[in-house]
Amino acid sequence: VVIELLDARIPGSSKNPDLENLKGQKKRVIILNKTDLADPKITEKWI
């Protein structure tokens, strides 16, 4: 499995598009990290 950490302030911009090709069919867990720094209402939208 791949555990991919994203910055909760920029969950789109911090997602590496190369990782999609690298991981292939491997399962993934996304972690929205640094949620203490991000706007909680917008974090809910990203979840």
ModelCIF file with pLDDT and N, C-alpha, C, O atoms, coordinates in Angstrom:
data_MODEL
#
_entry.id   MODEL 
#
_entity.id                         1 
_entity.type                       polymer 
_entity.pdbx_number_of_molecules   1 
#
_entity_poly.entity_id                      1 
_entity_poly.type                           'polypeptide(L)' 
_entity_poly.nstd_linkage                   no 
_entity_poly.nstd_monomer                   no 
_entity_poly.pdbx_seq_one_letter_code       VVIELLDARIPGSSKNPDLENLKGQKKRVIILNKTDLADPKITEKWI 
_entity_poly.pdbx_seq_one_letter_code_can   VVIELLDARIPGSSKNPDLENLKGQKKRVIILNKTDLADPKITEKWI 
_entity_poly.pdbx_strand_id                 A 
#
loop_
_entity_poly_seq.entity_id 
_entity_poly_seq.num 
_entity_poly_seq.mon_id 
_entity_poly_seq.hetero 
1 1  VAL n 
1 2  VAL n 
1 3  ILE n 
1 4  GLU n 
1 5  LEU n 
1 6  LEU n 
1 7  ASP n 
1 8  ALA n 
1 9  ARG n 
1 10 ILE n 
1 11 PRO n 
1 12 GLY n 
1 13 SER n 
1 14 SER n 
1 15 LYS n 
1 16 ASN n 
1 17 PRO n 
1 18 ASP n 
1 19 LEU n 
1 20 GLU n 
1 21 ASN n 
1 22 LEU n 
1 23 LYS n 
1 24 GLY n 
1 25 GLN n 
1 26 LYS n 
1 27 LYS n 
1 28 ARG n 
1 29 VAL n 
1 30 ILE n 
1 31 ILE n 
1 32 LEU n 
1 33 ASN n 
1 34 LYS n 
1 35 THR n 
1 36 ASP n 
1 37 LEU n 
1 38 ALA n 
1 39 ASP n 
1 40 PRO n 
1 41 LYS n 
1 42 ILE n 
1 43 THR n 
1 44 GLU n 
1 45 LYS n 
1 46 TRP n 
1 47 ILE n 
#
_struct_asym.id          A 
_struct_asym.entity_id   1 
#
loop_
_ma_qa_metric.id 
_ma_qa_metric.mode 
_ma_qa_metric.name 
_ma_qa_metric.software_group_id 
_ma_qa_metric.type 
1 global pLDDT . pLDDT 
2 local  pLDDT . pLDDT 
#
_ma_qa_metric_global.metric_id      1 
_ma_qa_metric_global.metric_value   93.32 
_ma_qa_metric_global.model_id       1 
_ma_qa_metric_global.ordinal_id     1 
#
loop_
_ma_qa_metric_local.label_asym_id 
_ma_qa_metric_local.label_comp_id 
_ma_qa_metric_local.label_seq_id 
_ma_qa_metric_local.metric_id 
_ma_qa_metric_local.metric_value 
_ma_qa_metric_local.model_id 
_ma_qa_metric_local.ordinal_id 
A VAL 1  2 93.00 1 1  
A VAL 2  2 94.00 1 2  
A ILE 3  2 94.00 1 3  
A GLU 4  2 95.00 1 4  
A LEU 5  2 95.00 1 5  
A LEU 6  2 96.00 1 6  
A ASP 7  2 96.00 1 7  
A ALA 8  2 97.00 1 8  
A ARG 9  2 97.00 1 9  
A ILE 10 2 97.00 1 10 
A PRO 11 2 97.00 1 11 
A GLY 12 2 95.00 1 12 
A SER 13 2 94.00 1 13 
A SER 14 2 94.00 1 14 
A LYS 15 2 93.00 1 15 
A ASN 16 2 90.00 1 16 
A PRO 17 2 89.00 1 17 
A ASP 18 2 86.00 1 18 
A LEU 19 2 87.00 1 19 
A GLU 20 2 84.00 1 20 
A ASN 21 2 84.00 1 21 
A LEU 22 2 86.00 1 22 
A LYS 23 2 86.00 1 23 
A GLY 24 2 84.00 1 24 
A GLN 25 2 85.00 1 25 
A LYS 26 2 89.00 1 26 
A LYS 27 2 91.00 1 27 
A ARG 28 2 94.00 1 28 
A VAL 29 2 95.00 1 29 
A ILE 30 2 96.00 1 30 
A ILE 31 2 96.00 1 31 
A LEU 32 2 96.00 1 32 
A ASN 33 2 94.00 1 33 
A LYS 34 2 94.00 1 34 
A THR 35 2 94.00 1 35 
A ASP 36 2 94.00 1 36 
A LEU 37 2 96.00 1 37 
A ALA 38 2 97.00 1 38 
A ASP 39 2 97.00 1 39 
A PRO 40 2 96.00 1 40 
A LYS 41 2 97.00 1 41 
A ILE 42 2 97.00 1 42 
A THR 43 2 97.00 1 43 
A GLU 44 2 97.00 1 44 
A LYS 45 2 97.00 1 45 
A TRP 46 2 97.00 1 46 
A ILE 47 2 97.00 1 47 
#
loop_
_atom_site.group_PDB 
_atom_site.id 
_atom_site.type_symbol 
_atom_site.label_atom_id 
_atom_site.label_alt_id 
_atom_site.label_comp_id 
_atom_site.label_asym_id 
_atom_site.label_entity_id 
_atom_site.label_seq_id 
_atom_site.pdbx_PDB_ins_code 
_atom_site.Cartn_x 
_atom_site.Cartn_y 
_atom_site.Cartn_z 
_atom_site.occupancy 
_atom_site.B_iso_or_equiv 
_atom_site.pdbx_formal_charge 
_atom_site.auth_seq_id 
_atom_site.auth_comp_id 
_atom_site.auth_asym_id 
_atom_site.auth_atom_id 
_atom_site.pdbx_PDB_model_num 
ATOM 1   N N  . VAL A 1 1  ? 0.849   -1.189 0.000   1.00 93.00 ? 1  VAL A N  1 
ATOM 2   C CA . VAL A 1 1  ? 0.000   0.000  0.000   1.00 93.00 ? 1  VAL A CA 1 
ATOM 3   C C  . VAL A 1 1  ? 0.886   1.240  0.000   1.00 93.00 ? 1  VAL A C  1 
ATOM 4   O O  . VAL A 1 1  ? 2.004   1.221  0.516   1.00 93.00 ? 1  VAL A O  1 
ATOM 5   N N  . VAL A 1 2  ? 0.379   2.299  -0.576  1.00 94.00 ? 2  VAL A N  1 
ATOM 6   C CA . VAL A 1 2  ? 1.056   3.593  -0.559  1.00 94.00 ? 2  VAL A CA 1 
ATOM 7   C C  . VAL A 1 2  ? 0.299   4.522  0.383   1.00 94.00 ? 2  VAL A C  1 
ATOM 8   O O  . VAL A 1 2  ? -0.906  4.721  0.230   1.00 94.00 ? 2  VAL A O  1 
ATOM 9   N N  . ILE A 1 3  ? 1.003   5.084  1.348   1.00 94.00 ? 3  ILE A N  1 
ATOM 10  C CA . ILE A 1 3  ? 0.427   6.108  2.218   1.00 94.00 ? 3  ILE A CA 1 
ATOM 11  C C  . ILE A 1 3  ? 0.926   7.446  1.696   1.00 94.00 ? 3  ILE A C  1 
ATOM 12  O O  . ILE A 1 3  ? 2.101   7.781  1.842   1.00 94.00 ? 3  ILE A O  1 
ATOM 13  N N  . GLU A 1 4  ? 0.026   8.206  1.089   1.00 95.00 ? 4  GLU A N  1 
ATOM 14  C CA . GLU A 1 4  ? 0.403   9.477  0.480   1.00 95.00 ? 4  GLU A CA 1 
ATOM 15  C C  . GLU A 1 4  ? -0.042  10.637 1.374   1.00 95.00 ? 4  GLU A C  1 
ATOM 16  O O  . GLU A 1 4  ? -1.232  10.822 1.630   1.00 95.00 ? 4  GLU A O  1 
ATOM 17  N N  . LEU A 1 5  ? 0.936   11.408 1.841   1.00 95.00 ? 5  LEU A N  1 
ATOM 18  C CA . LEU A 1 5  ? 0.632   12.575 2.657   1.00 95.00 ? 5  LEU A CA 1 
ATOM 19  C C  . LEU A 1 5  ? 0.415   13.789 1.763   1.00 95.00 ? 5  LEU A C  1 
ATOM 20  O O  . LEU A 1 5  ? 1.240   14.092 0.901   1.00 95.00 ? 5  LEU A O  1 
ATOM 21  N N  . LEU A 1 6  ? -0.694  14.476 1.975   1.00 96.00 ? 6  LEU A N  1 
ATOM 22  C CA . LEU A 1 6  ? -0.974  15.739 1.310   1.00 96.00 ? 6  LEU A CA 1 
ATOM 23  C C  . LEU A 1 6  ? -1.034  16.835 2.363   1.00 96.00 ? 6  LEU A C  1 
ATOM 24  O O  . LEU A 1 6  ? -1.386  16.572 3.513   1.00 96.00 ? 6  LEU A O  1 
ATOM 25  N N  . ASP A 1 7  ? -0.697  18.043 1.987   1.00 96.00 ? 7  ASP A N  1 
ATOM 26  C CA . ASP A 1 7  ? -0.834  19.175 2.898   1.00 96.00 ? 7  ASP A CA 1 
ATOM 27  C C  . ASP A 1 7  ? -2.285  19.628 2.872   1.00 96.00 ? 7  ASP A C  1 
ATOM 28  O O  . ASP A 1 7  ? -2.812  19.971 1.814   1.00 96.00 ? 7  ASP A O  1 
ATOM 29  N N  . ALA A 1 8  ? -2.933  19.629 4.031   1.00 97.00 ? 8  ALA A N  1 
ATOM 30  C CA . ALA A 1 8  ? -4.360  19.938 4.101   1.00 97.00 ? 8  ALA A CA 1 
ATOM 31  C C  . ALA A 1 8  ? -4.691  21.345 3.619   1.00 97.00 ? 8  ALA A C  1 
ATOM 32  O O  . ALA A 1 8  ? -5.847  21.635 3.309   1.00 97.00 ? 8  ALA A O  1 
ATOM 33  N N  . ARG A 1 9  ? -3.695  22.220 3.553   1.00 97.00 ? 9  ARG A N  1 
ATOM 34  C CA . ARG A 1 9  ? -3.942  23.574 3.049   1.00 97.00 ? 9  ARG A CA 1 
ATOM 35  C C  . ARG A 1 9  ? -4.024  23.615 1.527   1.00 97.00 ? 9  ARG A C  1 
ATOM 36  O O  . ARG A 1 9  ? -4.643  24.511 0.953   1.00 97.00 ? 9  ARG A O  1 
ATOM 37  N N  . ILE A 1 10 ? -3.382  22.616 0.868   1.00 97.00 ? 10 ILE A N  1 
ATOM 38  C CA . ILE A 1 10 ? -3.398  22.547 -0.597  1.00 97.00 ? 10 ILE A CA 1 
ATOM 39  C C  . ILE A 1 10 ? -3.474  21.083 -1.037  1.00 97.00 ? 10 ILE A C  1 
ATOM 40  O O  . ILE A 1 10 ? -2.531  20.583 -1.650  1.00 97.00 ? 10 ILE A O  1 
ATOM 41  N N  . PRO A 1 11 ? -4.564  20.394 -0.743  1.00 97.00 ? 11 PRO A N  1 
ATOM 42  C CA . PRO A 1 11 ? -4.627  18.955 -1.049  1.00 97.00 ? 11 PRO A CA 1 
ATOM 43  C C  . PRO A 1 11 ? -4.600  18.628 -2.537  1.00 97.00 ? 11 PRO A C  1 
ATOM 44  O O  . PRO A 1 11 ? -4.265  17.506 -2.916  1.00 97.00 ? 11 PRO A O  1 
ATOM 45  N N  . GLY A 1 12 ? -4.944  19.586 -3.377  1.00 95.00 ? 12 GLY A N  1 
ATOM 46  C CA . GLY A 1 12 ? -4.856  19.355 -4.816  1.00 95.00 ? 12 GLY A CA 1 
ATOM 47  C C  . GLY A 1 12 ? -3.455  19.600 -5.325  1.00 95.00 ? 12 GLY A C  1 
ATOM 48  O O  . GLY A 1 12 ? -2.892  18.769 -6.039  1.00 95.00 ? 12 GLY A O  1 
ATOM 49  N N  . SER A 1 13 ? -2.890  20.733 -4.963  1.00 94.00 ? 13 SER A N  1 
ATOM 50  C CA . SER A 1 13 ? -1.558  21.110 -5.441  1.00 94.00 ? 13 SER A CA 1 
ATOM 51  C C  . SER A 1 13 ? -0.456  20.219 -4.874  1.00 94.00 ? 13 SER A C  1 
ATOM 52  O O  . SER A 1 13 ? 0.585   20.054 -5.511  1.00 94.00 ? 13 SER A O  1 
ATOM 53  N N  . SER A 1 14 ? -0.664  19.641 -3.687  1.00 94.00 ? 14 SER A N  1 
ATOM 54  C CA . SER A 1 14 ? 0.383   18.816 -3.064  1.00 94.00 ? 14 SER A CA 1 
ATOM 55  C C  . SER A 1 14 ? 0.280   17.347 -3.456  1.00 94.00 ? 14 SER A C  1 
ATOM 56  O O  . SER A 1 14 ? 1.021   16.514 -2.933  1.00 94.00 ? 14 SER A O  1 
ATOM 57  N N  . LYS A 1 15 ? -0.624  17.023 -4.366  1.00 93.00 ? 15 LYS A N  1 
ATOM 58  C CA . LYS A 1 15 ? -0.780  15.635 -4.832  1.00 93.00 ? 15 LYS A CA 1 
ATOM 59  C C  . LYS A 1 15 ? 0.083   15.439 -6.078  1.00 93.00 ? 15 LYS A C  1 
ATOM 60  O O  . LYS A 1 15 ? -0.157  16.055 -7.117  1.00 93.00 ? 15 LYS A O  1 
ATOM 61  N N  . ASN A 1 16 ? 1.077   14.584 -5.961  1.00 90.00 ? 16 ASN A N  1 
ATOM 62  C CA . ASN A 1 16 ? 2.042   14.386 -7.046  1.00 90.00 ? 16 ASN A CA 1 
ATOM 63  C C  . ASN A 1 16 ? 1.423   13.534 -8.148  1.00 90.00 ? 16 ASN A C  1 
ATOM 64  O O  . ASN A 1 16 ? 1.132   12.360 -7.918  1.00 90.00 ? 16 ASN A O  1 
ATOM 65  N N  . PRO A 1 17 ? 1.214   14.098 -9.347  1.00 89.00 ? 17 PRO A N  1 
ATOM 66  C CA . PRO A 1 17 ? 0.597   13.303 -10.421 1.00 89.00 ? 17 PRO A CA 1 
ATOM 67  C C  . PRO A 1 17 ? 1.462   12.131 -10.857 1.00 89.00 ? 17 PRO A C  1 
ATOM 68  O O  . PRO A 1 17 ? 0.938   11.145 -11.376 1.00 89.00 ? 17 PRO A O  1 
ATOM 69  N N  . ASP A 1 18 ? 2.786   12.214 -10.657 1.00 86.00 ? 18 ASP A N  1 
ATOM 70  C CA . ASP A 1 18 ? 3.666   11.104 -11.010 1.00 86.00 ? 18 ASP A CA 1 
ATOM 71  C C  . ASP A 1 18 ? 3.366   9.852  -10.198 1.00 86.00 ? 18 ASP A C  1 
ATOM 72  O O  . ASP A 1 18 ? 3.589   8.735  -10.664 1.00 86.00 ? 18 ASP A O  1 
ATOM 73  N N  . LEU A 1 19 ? 2.856   10.042 -8.969  1.00 87.00 ? 19 LEU A N  1 
ATOM 74  C CA . LEU A 1 19 ? 2.626   8.898  -8.087  1.00 87.00 ? 19 LEU A CA 1 
ATOM 75  C C  . LEU A 1 19 ? 1.536   7.981  -8.635  1.00 87.00 ? 19 LEU A C  1 
ATOM 76  O O  . LEU A 1 19 ? 1.538   6.781  -8.360  1.00 87.00 ? 19 LEU A O  1 
ATOM 77  N N  . GLU A 1 20 ? 0.606   8.541  -9.408  1.00 84.00 ? 20 GLU A N  1 
ATOM 78  C CA . GLU A 1 20 ? -0.445  7.720  -10.013 1.00 84.00 ? 20 GLU A CA 1 
ATOM 79  C C  . GLU A 1 20 ? 0.163   6.646  -10.900 1.00 84.00 ? 20 GLU A C  1 
ATOM 80  O O  . GLU A 1 20 ? -0.250  5.487  -10.864 1.00 84.00 ? 20 GLU A O  1 
ATOM 81  N N  . ASN A 1 21 ? 1.147   7.042  -11.697 1.00 84.00 ? 21 ASN A N  1 
ATOM 82  C CA . ASN A 1 21 ? 1.813   6.067  -12.575 1.00 84.00 ? 21 ASN A CA 1 
ATOM 83  C C  . ASN A 1 21 ? 2.713   5.128  -11.799 1.00 84.00 ? 21 ASN A C  1 
ATOM 84  O O  . ASN A 1 21 ? 2.788   3.937  -12.099 1.00 84.00 ? 21 ASN A O  1 
ATOM 85  N N  . LEU A 1 22 ? 3.400   5.667  -10.796 1.00 86.00 ? 22 LEU A N  1 
ATOM 86  C CA . LEU A 1 22 ? 4.329   4.849  -10.024 1.00 86.00 ? 22 LEU A CA 1 
ATOM 87  C C  . LEU A 1 22 ? 3.617   3.744  -9.254  1.00 86.00 ? 22 LEU A C  1 
ATOM 88  O O  . LEU A 1 22 ? 4.098   2.612  -9.202  1.00 86.00 ? 22 LEU A O  1 
ATOM 89  N N  . LYS A 1 23 ? 2.478   4.066  -8.657  1.00 86.00 ? 23 LYS A N  1 
ATOM 90  C CA . LYS A 1 23 ? 1.836   3.094  -7.772  1.00 86.00 ? 23 LYS A CA 1 
ATOM 91  C C  . LYS A 1 23 ? 1.092   2.001  -8.540  1.00 86.00 ? 23 LYS A C  1 
ATOM 92  O O  . LYS A 1 23 ? 0.834   0.931  -7.989  1.00 86.00 ? 23 LYS A O  1 
ATOM 93  N N  . GLY A 1 24 ? 0.745   2.255  -9.804  1.00 84.00 ? 24 GLY A N  1 
ATOM 94  C CA . GLY A 1 24 ? 0.050   1.231  -10.573 1.00 84.00 ? 24 GLY A CA 1 
ATOM 95  C C  . GLY A 1 24 ? -1.252  0.808  -9.907  1.00 84.00 ? 24 GLY A C  1 
ATOM 96  O O  . GLY A 1 24 ? -2.123  1.638  -9.648  1.00 84.00 ? 24 GLY A O  1 
ATOM 97  N N  . GLN A 1 25 ? -1.379  -0.497 -9.629  1.00 85.00 ? 25 GLN A N  1 
ATOM 98  C CA . GLN A 1 25 ? -2.593  -1.038 -9.010  1.00 85.00 ? 25 GLN A CA 1 
ATOM 99  C C  . GLN A 1 25 ? -2.502  -1.120 -7.487  1.00 85.00 ? 25 GLN A C  1 
ATOM 100 O O  . GLN A 1 25 ? -3.400  -1.658 -6.839  1.00 85.00 ? 25 GLN A O  1 
ATOM 101 N N  . LYS A 1 26 ? -1.422  -0.589 -6.915  1.00 89.00 ? 26 LYS A N  1 
ATOM 102 C CA . LYS A 1 26 ? -1.276  -0.624 -5.456  1.00 89.00 ? 26 LYS A CA 1 
ATOM 103 C C  . LYS A 1 26 ? -2.385  0.182  -4.780  1.00 89.00 ? 26 LYS A C  1 
ATOM 104 O O  . LYS A 1 26 ? -2.819  1.214  -5.291  1.00 89.00 ? 26 LYS A O  1 
ATOM 105 N N  . LYS A 1 27 ? -2.831  -0.302 -3.637  1.00 91.00 ? 27 LYS A N  1 
ATOM 106 C CA . LYS A 1 27 ? -3.825  0.428  -2.861  1.00 91.00 ? 27 LYS A CA 1 
ATOM 107 C C  . LYS A 1 27 ? -3.195  1.681  -2.257  1.00 91.00 ? 27 LYS A C  1 
ATOM 108 O O  . LYS A 1 27 ? -1.974  1.785  -2.147  1.00 91.00 ? 27 LYS A O  1 
ATOM 109 N N  . ARG A 1 28 ? -4.043  2.624  -1.869  1.00 94.00 ? 28 ARG A N  1 
ATOM 110 C CA . ARG A 1 28 ? -3.521  3.879  -1.323  1.00 94.00 ? 28 ARG A CA 1 
ATOM 111 C C  . ARG A 1 28 ? -4.381  4.357  -0.161  1.00 94.00 ? 28 ARG A C  1 
ATOM 112 O O  . ARG A 1 28 ? -5.599  4.180  -0.144  1.00 94.00 ? 28 ARG A O  1 
ATOM 113 N N  . VAL A 1 29 ? -3.702  4.973  0.815   1.00 95.00 ? 29 VAL A N  1 
ATOM 114 C CA . VAL A 1 29 ? -4.360  5.722  1.886   1.00 95.00 ? 29 VAL A CA 1 
ATOM 115 C C  . VAL A 1 29 ? -3.887  7.169  1.754   1.00 95.00 ? 29 VAL A C  1 
ATOM 116 O O  . VAL A 1 29 ? -2.685  7.434  1.725   1.00 95.00 ? 29 VAL A O  1 
ATOM 117 N N  . ILE A 1 30 ? -4.820  8.084  1.675   1.00 96.00 ? 30 ILE A N  1 
ATOM 118 C CA . ILE A 1 30 ? -4.478  9.509  1.609   1.00 96.00 ? 30 ILE A CA 1 
ATOM 119 C C  . ILE A 1 30 ? -4.572  10.112 2.998   1.00 96.00 ? 30 ILE A C  1 
ATOM 120 O O  . ILE A 1 30 ? -5.587  9.971  3.680   1.00 96.00 ? 30 ILE A O  1 
ATOM 121 N N  . ILE A 1 31 ? -3.510  10.781 3.411   1.00 96.00 ? 31 ILE A N  1 
ATOM 122 C CA . ILE A 1 31 ? -3.509  11.491 4.681   1.00 96.00 ? 31 ILE A CA 1 
ATOM 123 C C  . ILE A 1 31 ? -3.519  12.988 4.408   1.00 96.00 ? 31 ILE A C  1 
ATOM 124 O O  . ILE A 1 31 ? -2.605  13.512 3.770   1.00 96.00 ? 31 ILE A O  1 
ATOM 125 N N  . LEU A 1 32 ? -4.534  13.668 4.883   1.00 96.00 ? 32 LEU A N  1 
ATOM 126 C CA . LEU A 1 32 ? -4.541  15.129 4.845   1.00 96.00 ? 32 LEU A CA 1 
ATOM 127 C C  . LEU A 1 32 ? -3.829  15.589 6.110   1.00 96.00 ? 32 LEU A C  1 
ATOM 128 O O  . LEU A 1 32 ? -4.419  15.627 7.189   1.00 96.00 ? 32 LEU A O  1 
ATOM 129 N N  . ASN A 1 33 ? -2.564  15.936 5.965   1.00 94.00 ? 33 ASN A N  1 
ATOM 130 C CA . ASN A 1 33 ? -1.726  16.293 7.106   1.00 94.00 ? 33 ASN A CA 1 
ATOM 131 C C  . ASN A 1 33 ? -1.761  17.798 7.350   1.00 94.00 ? 33 ASN A C  1 
ATOM 132 O O  . ASN A 1 33 ? -2.142  18.582 6.481   1.00 94.00 ? 33 ASN A O  1 
ATOM 133 N N  . LYS A 1 34 ? -1.356  18.174 8.553   1.00 94.00 ? 34 LYS A N  1 
ATOM 134 C CA . LYS A 1 34 ? -1.318  19.583 8.971   1.00 94.00 ? 34 LYS A CA 1 
ATOM 135 C C  . LYS A 1 34 ? -2.714  20.213 8.965   1.00 94.00 ? 34 LYS A C  1 
ATOM 136 O O  . LYS A 1 34 ? -2.884  21.380 8.612   1.00 94.00 ? 34 LYS A O  1 
ATOM 137 N N  . THR A 1 35 ? -3.709  19.412 9.365   1.00 94.00 ? 35 THR A N  1 
ATOM 138 C CA . THR A 1 35 ? -5.070  19.950 9.421   1.00 94.00 ? 35 THR A CA 1 
ATOM 139 C C  . THR A 1 35 ? -5.202  21.055 10.461  1.00 94.00 ? 35 THR A C  1 
ATOM 140 O O  . THR A 1 35 ? -6.134  21.858 10.405  1.00 94.00 ? 35 THR A O  1 
ATOM 141 N N  . ASP A 1 36 ? -4.268  21.097 11.409  1.00 94.00 ? 36 ASP A N  1 
ATOM 142 C CA . ASP A 1 36 ? -4.302  22.158 12.424  1.00 94.00 ? 36 ASP A CA 1 
ATOM 143 C C  . ASP A 1 36 ? -3.997  23.522 11.813  1.00 94.00 ? 36 ASP A C  1 
ATOM 144 O O  . ASP A 1 36 ? -4.274  24.550 12.433  1.00 94.00 ? 36 ASP A O  1 
ATOM 145 N N  . LEU A 1 37 ? -3.427  23.546 10.600  1.00 96.00 ? 37 LEU A N  1 
ATOM 146 C CA . LEU A 1 37 ? -3.099  24.802 9.927   1.00 96.00 ? 37 LEU A CA 1 
ATOM 147 C C  . LEU A 1 37 ? -4.142  25.195 8.891   1.00 96.00 ? 37 LEU A C  1 
ATOM 148 O O  . LEU A 1 37 ? -4.150  26.334 8.423   1.00 96.00 ? 37 LEU A O  1 
ATOM 149 N N  . ALA A 1 38 ? -5.024  24.263 8.526   1.00 97.00 ? 38 ALA A N  1 
ATOM 150 C CA . ALA A 1 38 ? -5.960  24.479 7.422   1.00 97.00 ? 38 ALA A CA 1 
ATOM 151 C C  . ALA A 1 38 ? -7.334  24.910 7.918   1.00 97.00 ? 38 ALA A C  1 
ATOM 152 O O  . ALA A 1 38 ? -7.699  24.679 9.071   1.00 97.00 ? 38 ALA A O  1 
ATOM 153 N N  . ASP A 1 39 ? -8.079  25.535 7.028   1.00 97.00 ? 39 ASP A N  1 
ATOM 154 C CA . ASP A 1 39 ? -9.453  25.955 7.301   1.00 97.00 ? 39 ASP A CA 1 
ATOM 155 C C  . ASP A 1 39 ? -10.322 24.701 7.436   1.00 97.00 ? 39 ASP A C  1 
ATOM 156 O O  . ASP A 1 39 ? -10.476 23.959 6.465   1.00 97.00 ? 39 ASP A O  1 
ATOM 157 N N  . PRO A 1 40 ? -10.895 24.447 8.623   1.00 96.00 ? 40 PRO A N  1 
ATOM 158 C CA . PRO A 1 40 ? -11.615 23.179 8.834   1.00 96.00 ? 40 PRO A CA 1 
ATOM 159 C C  . PRO A 1 40 ? -12.808 22.984 7.909   1.00 96.00 ? 40 PRO A C  1 
ATOM 160 O O  . PRO A 1 40 ? -13.103 21.851 7.529   1.00 96.00 ? 40 PRO A O  1 
ATOM 161 N N  . LYS A 1 41 ? -13.500 24.052 7.537   1.00 97.00 ? 41 LYS A N  1 
ATOM 162 C CA . LYS A 1 41 ? -14.658 23.912 6.642   1.00 97.00 ? 41 LYS A CA 1 
ATOM 163 C C  . LYS A 1 41 ? -14.216 23.440 5.258   1.00 97.00 ? 41 LYS A C  1 
ATOM 164 O O  . LYS A 1 41 ? -14.884 22.625 4.621   1.00 97.00 ? 41 LYS A O  1 
ATOM 165 N N  . ILE A 1 42 ? -13.080 23.968 4.807   1.00 97.00 ? 42 ILE A N  1 
ATOM 166 C CA . ILE A 1 42 ? -12.593 23.566 3.485   1.00 97.00 ? 42 ILE A CA 1 
ATOM 167 C C  . ILE A 1 42 ? -12.001 22.165 3.543   1.00 97.00 ? 42 ILE A C  1 
ATOM 168 O O  . ILE A 1 42 ? -12.104 21.413 2.574   1.00 97.00 ? 42 ILE A O  1 
ATOM 169 N N  . THR A 1 43 ? -11.381 21.801 4.666   1.00 97.00 ? 43 THR A N  1 
ATOM 170 C CA . THR A 1 43 ? -10.869 20.432 4.820   1.00 97.00 ? 43 THR A CA 1 
ATOM 171 C C  . THR A 1 43 ? -11.992 19.413 4.682   1.00 97.00 ? 43 THR A C  1 
ATOM 172 O O  . THR A 1 43 ? -11.803 18.358 4.076   1.00 97.00 ? 43 THR A O  1 
ATOM 173 N N  . GLU A 1 44 ? -13.154 19.721 5.239   1.00 97.00 ? 44 GLU A N  1 
ATOM 174 C CA . GLU A 1 44 ? -14.301 18.815 5.105   1.00 97.00 ? 44 GLU A CA 1 
ATOM 175 C C  . GLU A 1 44 ? -14.683 18.624 3.642   1.00 97.00 ? 44 GLU A C  1 
ATOM 176 O O  . GLU A 1 44 ? -15.072 17.529 3.235   1.00 97.00 ? 44 GLU A O  1 
ATOM 177 N N  . LYS A 1 45 ? -14.572 19.684 2.857   1.00 97.00 ? 45 LYS A N  1 
ATOM 178 C CA . LYS A 1 45 ? -14.873 19.575 1.424   1.00 97.00 ? 45 LYS A CA 1 
ATOM 179 C C  . LYS A 1 45 ? -13.877 18.652 0.723   1.00 97.00 ? 45 LYS A C  1 
ATOM 180 O O  . LYS A 1 45 ? -14.246 17.886 -0.168  1.00 97.00 ? 45 LYS A O  1 
ATOM 181 N N  . TRP A 1 46 ? -12.617 18.735 1.135   1.00 97.00 ? 46 TRP A N  1 
ATOM 182 C CA . TRP A 1 46 ? -11.597 17.874 0.529   1.00 97.00 ? 46 TRP A CA 1 
ATOM 183 C C  . TRP A 1 46 ? -11.804 16.411 0.935   1.00 97.00 ? 46 TRP A C  1 
ATOM 184 O O  . TRP A 1 46 ? -11.593 15.507 0.127   1.00 97.00 ? 46 TRP A O  1 
ATOM 185 N N  . ILE A 1 47 ? -12.212 16.183 2.172   1.00 97.00 ? 47 ILE A N  1 
ATOM 186 C CA . ILE A 1 47 ? -12.509 14.809 2.600   1.00 97.00 ? 47 ILE A CA 1 
ATOM 187 C C  . ILE A 1 47 ? -13.613 14.224 1.718   1.00 97.00 ? 47 ILE A C  1 
ATOM 188 O O  . ILE A 1 47 ? -14.013 13.076 1.910   1.00 97.00 ? 47 ILE A O  1 
#
